[in-house]
Amino acid sequence: MESQPSTRNFAESIERYLTLLEKGDTEGIVALFADDAKVYSPFLGWMAPAPFFEKLREASGQSRIRLIDILVSASGNARAIGYFTYDWGLKDGTHVSFDCCDVFDFSNDGRFSQLTIVYDTYPIRVEVGDKYQ
């Protein structure tokens, strides 16, 4: 029986993810996910990591991420949340800034098994429209 990864590694994995996300490093991001992982986006629904992050890269220009906090499950689940401000630049020059909580579930090998992205989509839908879909 495999044991769960240490919660000490959760923060390091999330910090690495956010660094790669800010750089637009799709290959690096996807490598953090388990082979059968899935991502939920308020804009796009459920997707496999590779097509999701490729679509994000295609829509994005220069972006900046400011980490606010990392929260680890108090219930003993292999789950942690990255809470951050995303200053998202789109390729057409549009910029939107919003606070986001990315909820990460971890597989037994320490990679992400699921990512659920949570943010208020209303102000973003107004600015972004269909540029990302």
N, C-alpha and C. Protein backbone atom coordinates (compact mmCIF):
# COMPACT_ATOMS: atom_id res chain seq x y z
N MET A 1 0.84 -1.18 0.00
CA MET A 1 0.00 0.00 0.00
C MET A 1 0.88 1.25 0.00
N GLU A 2 0.60 2.16 -0.94
CA GLU A 2 1.37 3.40 -1.01
C GLU A 2 0.87 4.38 0.03
N SER A 3 1.78 5.15 0.57
CA SER A 3 1.38 6.16 1.54
C SER A 3 1.20 7.49 0.83
N GLN A 4 0.49 8.39 1.50
CA GLN A 4 0.27 9.72 0.94
C GLN A 4 1.55 10.52 1.00
N PRO A 5 1.73 11.47 0.09
CA PRO A 5 2.91 12.33 0.14
C PRO A 5 2.88 13.21 1.38
N SER A 6 4.03 13.69 1.78
CA SER A 6 4.14 14.56 2.94
C SER A 6 3.56 15.94 2.61
N THR A 7 2.81 16.49 3.55
CA THR A 7 2.24 17.82 3.33
C THR A 7 3.32 18.89 3.23
N ARG A 8 4.53 18.59 3.71
CA ARG A 8 5.63 19.56 3.58
C ARG A 8 5.96 19.82 2.12
N ASN A 9 5.75 18.82 1.28
CA ASN A 9 6.06 18.97 -0.14
C ASN A 9 4.96 19.69 -0.91
N PHE A 10 3.77 19.78 -0.33
CA PHE A 10 2.66 20.42 -1.03
C PHE A 10 2.99 21.87 -1.38
N ALA A 11 3.48 22.61 -0.41
CA ALA A 11 3.78 24.03 -0.63
C ALA A 11 4.86 24.19 -1.70
N GLU A 12 5.88 23.36 -1.67
CA GLU A 12 6.94 23.44 -2.67
C GLU A 12 6.39 23.17 -4.07
N SER A 13 5.51 22.18 -4.20
CA SER A 13 4.91 21.85 -5.50
C SER A 13 4.05 22.99 -6.01
N ILE A 14 3.28 23.60 -5.12
CA ILE A 14 2.41 24.70 -5.53
C ILE A 14 3.25 25.92 -5.92
N GLU A 15 4.28 26.23 -5.15
CA GLU A 15 5.15 27.35 -5.51
C GLU A 15 5.81 27.11 -6.86
N ARG A 16 6.23 25.88 -7.13
CA ARG A 16 6.84 25.54 -8.42
C ARG A 16 5.81 25.73 -9.54
N TYR A 17 4.59 25.25 -9.31
CA TYR A 17 3.51 25.40 -10.29
C TYR A 17 3.28 26.88 -10.62
N LEU A 18 3.17 27.72 -9.60
CA LEU A 18 2.91 29.14 -9.83
C LEU A 18 4.05 29.82 -10.58
N THR A 19 5.28 29.44 -10.28
CA THR A 19 6.44 29.98 -11.01
C THR A 19 6.35 29.60 -12.48
N LEU A 20 6.06 28.33 -12.76
CA LEU A 20 5.94 27.87 -14.14
C LEU A 20 4.75 28.51 -14.85
N LEU A 21 3.65 28.69 -14.12
CA LEU A 21 2.46 29.32 -14.69
C LEU A 21 2.78 30.76 -15.11
N GLU A 22 3.46 31.48 -14.26
CA GLU A 22 3.81 32.86 -14.58
C GLU A 22 4.71 32.93 -15.82
N LYS A 23 5.59 31.94 -15.97
CA LYS A 23 6.50 31.89 -17.13
C LYS A 23 5.81 31.38 -18.39
N GLY A 24 4.64 30.75 -18.24
CA GLY A 24 3.97 30.16 -19.39
C GLY A 24 4.63 28.87 -19.85
N ASP A 25 5.29 28.16 -18.94
CA ASP A 25 6.01 26.92 -19.24
C ASP A 25 5.05 25.73 -19.19
N THR A 26 4.35 25.51 -20.29
CA THR A 26 3.33 24.46 -20.35
C THR A 26 3.92 23.08 -20.07
N GLU A 27 5.04 22.76 -20.68
CA GLU A 27 5.65 21.44 -20.47
C GLU A 27 6.03 21.22 -19.01
N GLY A 28 6.60 22.23 -18.40
CA GLY A 28 6.97 22.13 -16.99
C GLY A 28 5.76 21.96 -16.09
N ILE A 29 4.70 22.69 -16.38
CA ILE A 29 3.47 22.57 -15.60
C ILE A 29 2.89 21.17 -15.73
N VAL A 30 2.75 20.69 -16.95
CA VAL A 30 2.13 19.38 -17.19
C VAL A 30 2.93 18.27 -16.50
N ALA A 31 4.23 18.41 -16.40
CA ALA A 31 5.07 17.41 -15.73
C ALA A 31 4.74 17.28 -14.24
N LEU A 32 4.12 18.30 -13.66
CA LEU A 32 3.74 18.25 -12.24
C LEU A 32 2.48 17.41 -11.99
N PHE A 33 1.78 17.05 -13.07
CA PHE A 33 0.51 16.33 -12.97
C PHE A 33 0.68 14.84 -13.21
N ALA A 34 -0.12 14.04 -12.51
CA ALA A 34 -0.18 12.60 -12.75
C ALA A 34 -0.73 12.34 -14.15
N ASP A 35 -0.44 11.19 -14.70
CA ASP A 35 -0.85 10.86 -16.07
C ASP A 35 -2.36 10.95 -16.29
N ASP A 36 -3.14 10.60 -15.29
CA ASP A 36 -4.60 10.59 -15.43
C ASP A 36 -5.26 11.80 -14.76
N ALA A 37 -4.49 12.84 -14.52
CA ALA A 37 -5.00 14.03 -13.82
C ALA A 37 -6.01 14.79 -14.66
N LYS A 38 -6.78 15.63 -13.97
CA LYS A 38 -7.74 16.49 -14.65
C LYS A 38 -7.73 17.87 -14.01
N VAL A 39 -8.16 18.85 -14.81
CA VAL A 39 -8.20 20.25 -14.39
C VAL A 39 -9.61 20.76 -14.60
N TYR A 40 -10.14 21.48 -13.59
CA TYR A 40 -11.44 22.13 -13.76
C TYR A 40 -11.22 23.63 -13.82
N SER A 41 -11.70 24.24 -14.90
CA SER A 41 -11.63 25.68 -15.09
C SER A 41 -13.05 26.23 -15.15
N PRO A 42 -13.32 27.36 -14.47
CA PRO A 42 -14.65 27.97 -14.56
C PRO A 42 -15.03 28.34 -15.99
N PHE A 43 -14.05 28.63 -16.84
CA PHE A 43 -14.31 28.99 -18.23
C PHE A 43 -14.50 27.77 -19.12
N LEU A 44 -13.69 26.73 -18.90
CA LEU A 44 -13.59 25.64 -19.87
C LEU A 44 -14.10 24.29 -19.38
N GLY A 45 -14.47 24.19 -18.10
CA GLY A 45 -14.93 22.91 -17.57
C GLY A 45 -13.76 21.96 -17.33
N TRP A 46 -14.04 20.65 -17.34
CA TRP A 46 -13.03 19.64 -17.07
C TRP A 46 -12.20 19.35 -18.31
N MET A 47 -10.89 19.32 -18.14
CA MET A 47 -9.97 19.02 -19.23
C MET A 47 -8.75 18.28 -18.68
N ALA A 48 -8.05 17.59 -19.56
CA ALA A 48 -6.74 17.04 -19.21
C ALA A 48 -5.77 18.22 -19.09
N PRO A 49 -4.71 18.09 -18.29
CA PRO A 49 -3.79 19.22 -18.10
C PRO A 49 -3.15 19.75 -19.38
N ALA A 50 -2.64 18.90 -20.24
CA ALA A 50 -1.92 19.38 -21.43
C ALA A 50 -2.78 20.28 -22.31
N PRO A 51 -3.98 19.85 -22.73
CA PRO A 51 -4.78 20.76 -23.57
C PRO A 51 -5.23 22.02 -22.83
N PHE A 52 -5.49 21.90 -21.53
CA PHE A 52 -5.89 23.09 -20.78
C PHE A 52 -4.78 24.13 -20.77
N PHE A 53 -3.57 23.72 -20.38
CA PHE A 53 -2.48 24.69 -20.27
C PHE A 53 -1.99 25.17 -21.64
N GLU A 54 -2.15 24.36 -22.68
CA GLU A 54 -1.84 24.83 -24.03
C GLU A 54 -2.82 25.93 -24.44
N LYS A 55 -4.09 25.73 -24.13
CA LYS A 55 -5.11 26.74 -24.45
C LYS A 55 -4.84 28.03 -23.68
N LEU A 56 -4.46 27.90 -22.42
CA LEU A 56 -4.13 29.07 -21.61
C LEU A 56 -2.92 29.80 -22.19
N ARG A 57 -1.88 29.05 -22.59
CA ARG A 57 -0.70 29.67 -23.18
C ARG A 57 -1.04 30.40 -24.48
N GLU A 58 -1.90 29.79 -25.30
CA GLU A 58 -2.29 30.41 -26.57
C GLU A 58 -3.01 31.74 -26.36
N ALA A 59 -3.76 31.87 -25.27
CA ALA A 59 -4.52 33.09 -25.00
C ALA A 59 -3.70 34.14 -24.25
N SER A 60 -2.62 33.71 -23.59
CA SER A 60 -1.92 34.58 -22.66
C SER A 60 -0.73 35.29 -23.26
N GLY A 61 -0.51 36.50 -22.73
CA GLY A 61 0.71 37.25 -22.98
C GLY A 61 1.49 37.27 -21.68
N GLN A 62 2.06 38.41 -21.34
CA GLN A 62 2.81 38.55 -20.10
C GLN A 62 1.84 38.58 -18.91
N SER A 63 2.09 37.71 -17.94
CA SER A 63 1.27 37.65 -16.73
C SER A 63 2.17 37.72 -15.50
N ARG A 64 1.56 38.09 -14.39
CA ARG A 64 2.29 38.17 -13.12
C ARG A 64 1.45 37.53 -12.04
N ILE A 65 2.09 36.77 -11.18
CA ILE A 65 1.40 36.08 -10.09
C ILE A 65 2.02 36.52 -8.77
N ARG A 66 1.14 36.87 -7.83
CA ARG A 66 1.59 37.23 -6.48
C ARG A 66 0.94 36.27 -5.50
N LEU A 67 1.76 35.42 -4.91
CA LEU A 67 1.27 34.44 -3.93
C LEU A 67 0.80 35.16 -2.67
N ILE A 68 -0.40 34.83 -2.22
CA ILE A 68 -0.93 35.37 -0.97
C ILE A 68 -0.70 34.37 0.16
N ASP A 69 -1.02 33.07 -0.10
CA ASP A 69 -0.87 32.05 0.93
C ASP A 69 -1.01 30.67 0.32
N ILE A 70 -0.53 29.68 1.05
CA ILE A 70 -0.77 28.28 0.72
C ILE A 70 -1.40 27.64 1.95
N LEU A 71 -2.52 27.00 1.74
CA LEU A 71 -3.30 26.41 2.82
C LEU A 71 -3.34 24.90 2.63
N VAL A 72 -3.02 24.15 3.69
CA VAL A 72 -2.98 22.69 3.62
C VAL A 72 -4.17 22.13 4.39
N SER A 73 -4.74 21.06 3.87
CA SER A 73 -5.91 20.43 4.49
C SER A 73 -5.68 20.15 5.97
N ALA A 74 -6.64 20.54 6.79
CA ALA A 74 -6.60 20.25 8.22
C ALA A 74 -7.27 18.92 8.54
N SER A 75 -7.82 18.28 7.52
CA SER A 75 -8.53 17.01 7.71
C SER A 75 -7.69 15.80 7.33
N GLY A 76 -6.45 16.02 7.00
CA GLY A 76 -5.57 14.92 6.64
C GLY A 76 -5.67 14.48 5.19
N ASN A 77 -6.41 15.24 4.37
CA ASN A 77 -6.50 14.92 2.95
C ASN A 77 -5.23 15.35 2.23
N ALA A 78 -4.92 14.70 1.13
CA ALA A 78 -3.77 15.07 0.31
C ALA A 78 -4.20 16.22 -0.59
N ARG A 79 -4.41 17.37 0.02
CA ARG A 79 -4.97 18.53 -0.68
C ARG A 79 -4.40 19.81 -0.09
N ALA A 80 -4.17 20.78 -0.96
CA ALA A 80 -3.70 22.10 -0.53
C ALA A 80 -4.23 23.13 -1.52
N ILE A 81 -4.27 24.37 -1.08
CA ILE A 81 -4.80 25.46 -1.89
C ILE A 81 -3.72 26.53 -2.05
N GLY A 82 -3.52 26.95 -3.27
CA GLY A 82 -2.69 28.10 -3.55
C GLY A 82 -3.61 29.30 -3.75
N TYR A 83 -3.44 30.30 -2.91
CA TYR A 83 -4.26 31.52 -2.96
C TYR A 83 -3.36 32.63 -3.47
N PHE A 84 -3.73 33.25 -4.60
CA PHE A 84 -2.85 34.21 -5.24
C PHE A 84 -3.63 35.24 -6.04
N THR A 85 -2.95 36.33 -6.35
CA THR A 85 -3.48 37.33 -7.27
C THR A 85 -2.86 37.07 -8.63
N TYR A 86 -3.72 36.97 -9.63
CA TYR A 86 -3.28 36.69 -10.99
C TYR A 86 -3.49 37.94 -11.83
N ASP A 87 -2.40 38.57 -12.22
CA ASP A 87 -2.45 39.70 -13.15
C ASP A 87 -2.24 39.08 -14.53
N TRP A 88 -3.34 38.77 -15.17
CA TRP A 88 -3.33 37.98 -16.39
C TRP A 88 -3.32 38.90 -17.61
N GLY A 89 -2.27 38.78 -18.36
CA GLY A 89 -2.18 39.52 -19.62
C GLY A 89 -2.55 38.61 -20.76
N LEU A 90 -3.44 39.07 -21.63
CA LEU A 90 -3.81 38.30 -22.80
C LEU A 90 -2.99 38.77 -24.00
N LYS A 91 -2.90 37.94 -25.01
CA LYS A 91 -2.08 38.25 -26.19
C LYS A 91 -2.53 39.51 -26.90
N ASP A 92 -3.82 39.85 -26.79
CA ASP A 92 -4.31 41.05 -27.49
C ASP A 92 -4.05 42.33 -26.69
N GLY A 93 -3.37 42.22 -25.55
CA GLY A 93 -3.05 43.39 -24.74
C GLY A 93 -4.00 43.63 -23.58
N THR A 94 -5.13 42.91 -23.53
CA THR A 94 -6.06 43.02 -22.42
C THR A 94 -5.39 42.52 -21.15
N HIS A 95 -5.63 43.21 -20.03
CA HIS A 95 -5.14 42.76 -18.73
C HIS A 95 -6.30 42.70 -17.76
N VAL A 96 -6.34 41.63 -16.99
CA VAL A 96 -7.30 41.51 -15.90
C VAL A 96 -6.55 41.05 -14.67
N SER A 97 -7.00 41.49 -13.53
CA SER A 97 -6.38 41.11 -12.27
C SER A 97 -7.47 40.57 -11.35
N PHE A 98 -7.20 39.41 -10.75
CA PHE A 98 -8.19 38.80 -9.88
C PHE A 98 -7.51 37.88 -8.88
N ASP A 99 -8.18 37.68 -7.74
CA ASP A 99 -7.72 36.72 -6.75
C ASP A 99 -8.26 35.36 -7.12
N CYS A 100 -7.44 34.35 -6.92
CA CYS A 100 -7.77 33.00 -7.36
C CYS A 100 -7.35 32.00 -6.28
N CYS A 101 -8.11 30.95 -6.14
CA CYS A 101 -7.74 29.82 -5.30
C CYS A 101 -7.66 28.59 -6.19
N ASP A 102 -6.49 28.02 -6.31
CA ASP A 102 -6.31 26.78 -7.03
C ASP A 102 -6.25 25.66 -6.00
N VAL A 103 -7.19 24.73 -6.09
CA VAL A 103 -7.28 23.61 -5.15
C VAL A 103 -6.59 22.41 -5.79
N PHE A 104 -5.53 21.94 -5.16
CA PHE A 104 -4.72 20.84 -5.67
C PHE A 104 -4.98 19.58 -4.86
N ASP A 105 -5.34 18.50 -5.54
CA ASP A 105 -5.37 17.18 -4.92
C ASP A 105 -4.11 16.47 -5.38
N PHE A 106 -3.46 15.75 -4.47
CA PHE A 106 -2.19 15.11 -4.75
C PHE A 106 -2.34 13.60 -4.87
N SER A 107 -1.61 13.03 -5.81
CA SER A 107 -1.57 11.57 -5.96
C SER A 107 -0.55 11.02 -4.96
N ASN A 108 -0.50 9.71 -4.84
CA ASN A 108 0.42 9.08 -3.88
C ASN A 108 1.88 9.36 -4.20
N ASP A 109 2.20 9.64 -5.47
CA ASP A 109 3.59 9.94 -5.82
C ASP A 109 3.94 11.42 -5.68
N GLY A 110 3.00 12.22 -5.18
CA GLY A 110 3.26 13.63 -4.92
C GLY A 110 2.93 14.57 -6.07
N ARG A 111 2.51 14.01 -7.21
CA ARG A 111 2.11 14.86 -8.33
C ARG A 111 0.65 15.26 -8.13
N PHE A 112 0.20 16.25 -8.91
CA PHE A 112 -1.19 16.70 -8.83
C PHE A 112 -2.08 15.68 -9.53
N SER A 113 -3.13 15.26 -8.85
CA SER A 113 -4.10 14.36 -9.47
C SER A 113 -5.32 15.13 -9.98
N GLN A 114 -5.55 16.29 -9.37
CA GLN A 114 -6.68 17.13 -9.78
C GLN A 114 -6.39 18.56 -9.38
N LEU A 115 -6.80 19.47 -10.26
CA LEU A 115 -6.71 20.91 -9.98
C LEU A 115 -8.08 21.50 -10.22
N THR A 116 -8.63 22.15 -9.20
CA THR A 116 -9.89 22.86 -9.33
C THR A 116 -9.60 24.34 -9.15
N ILE A 117 -9.85 25.12 -10.20
CA ILE A 117 -9.57 26.55 -10.21
C ILE A 117 -10.84 27.29 -9.79
N VAL A 118 -10.71 28.17 -8.79
CA VAL A 118 -11.87 28.85 -8.23
C VAL A 118 -11.61 30.36 -8.23
N TYR A 119 -12.49 31.11 -8.90
CA TYR A 119 -12.45 32.57 -8.84
C TYR A 119 -13.79 33.10 -9.31
N ASP A 120 -14.04 34.38 -9.01
CA ASP A 120 -15.26 35.04 -9.45
C ASP A 120 -15.11 35.35 -10.93
N THR A 121 -15.88 34.71 -11.77
CA THR A 121 -15.71 34.86 -13.21
C THR A 121 -16.37 36.11 -13.78
N TYR A 122 -17.27 36.74 -13.05
CA TYR A 122 -18.01 37.87 -13.64
C TYR A 122 -17.10 38.98 -14.16
N PRO A 123 -16.22 39.54 -13.32
CA PRO A 123 -15.40 40.64 -13.85
C PRO A 123 -14.47 40.19 -14.98
N ILE A 124 -14.06 38.95 -14.95
CA ILE A 124 -13.17 38.43 -15.99
C ILE A 124 -13.93 38.22 -17.29
N ARG A 125 -15.16 37.72 -17.21
CA ARG A 125 -15.97 37.52 -18.42
C ARG A 125 -16.21 38.85 -19.12
N VAL A 126 -16.39 39.91 -18.35
CA VAL A 126 -16.62 41.23 -18.93
C VAL A 126 -15.40 41.67 -19.75
N GLU A 127 -14.19 41.48 -19.19
CA GLU A 127 -12.97 41.89 -19.86
C GLU A 127 -12.52 40.93 -20.96
N VAL A 128 -12.60 39.63 -20.68
CA VAL A 128 -12.01 38.63 -21.55
C VAL A 128 -12.98 38.19 -22.64
N GLY A 129 -14.27 38.14 -22.32
CA GLY A 129 -15.26 37.70 -23.30
C GLY A 129 -14.94 36.30 -23.81
N ASP A 130 -14.89 36.12 -25.12
CA ASP A 130 -14.62 34.80 -25.68
C ASP A 130 -13.18 34.65 -26.18
N LYS A 131 -12.27 35.50 -25.74
CA LYS A 131 -10.88 35.45 -26.19
C LYS A 131 -10.15 34.22 -25.70
N TYR A 132 -10.69 33.53 -24.71
CA TYR A 132 -10.01 32.42 -24.06
C TYR A 132 -10.68 31.10 -24.37
N GLN A 133 -11.88 31.12 -24.89
CA GLN A 133 -12.62 29.88 -25.12
C GLN A 133 -12.31 29.39 -26.46
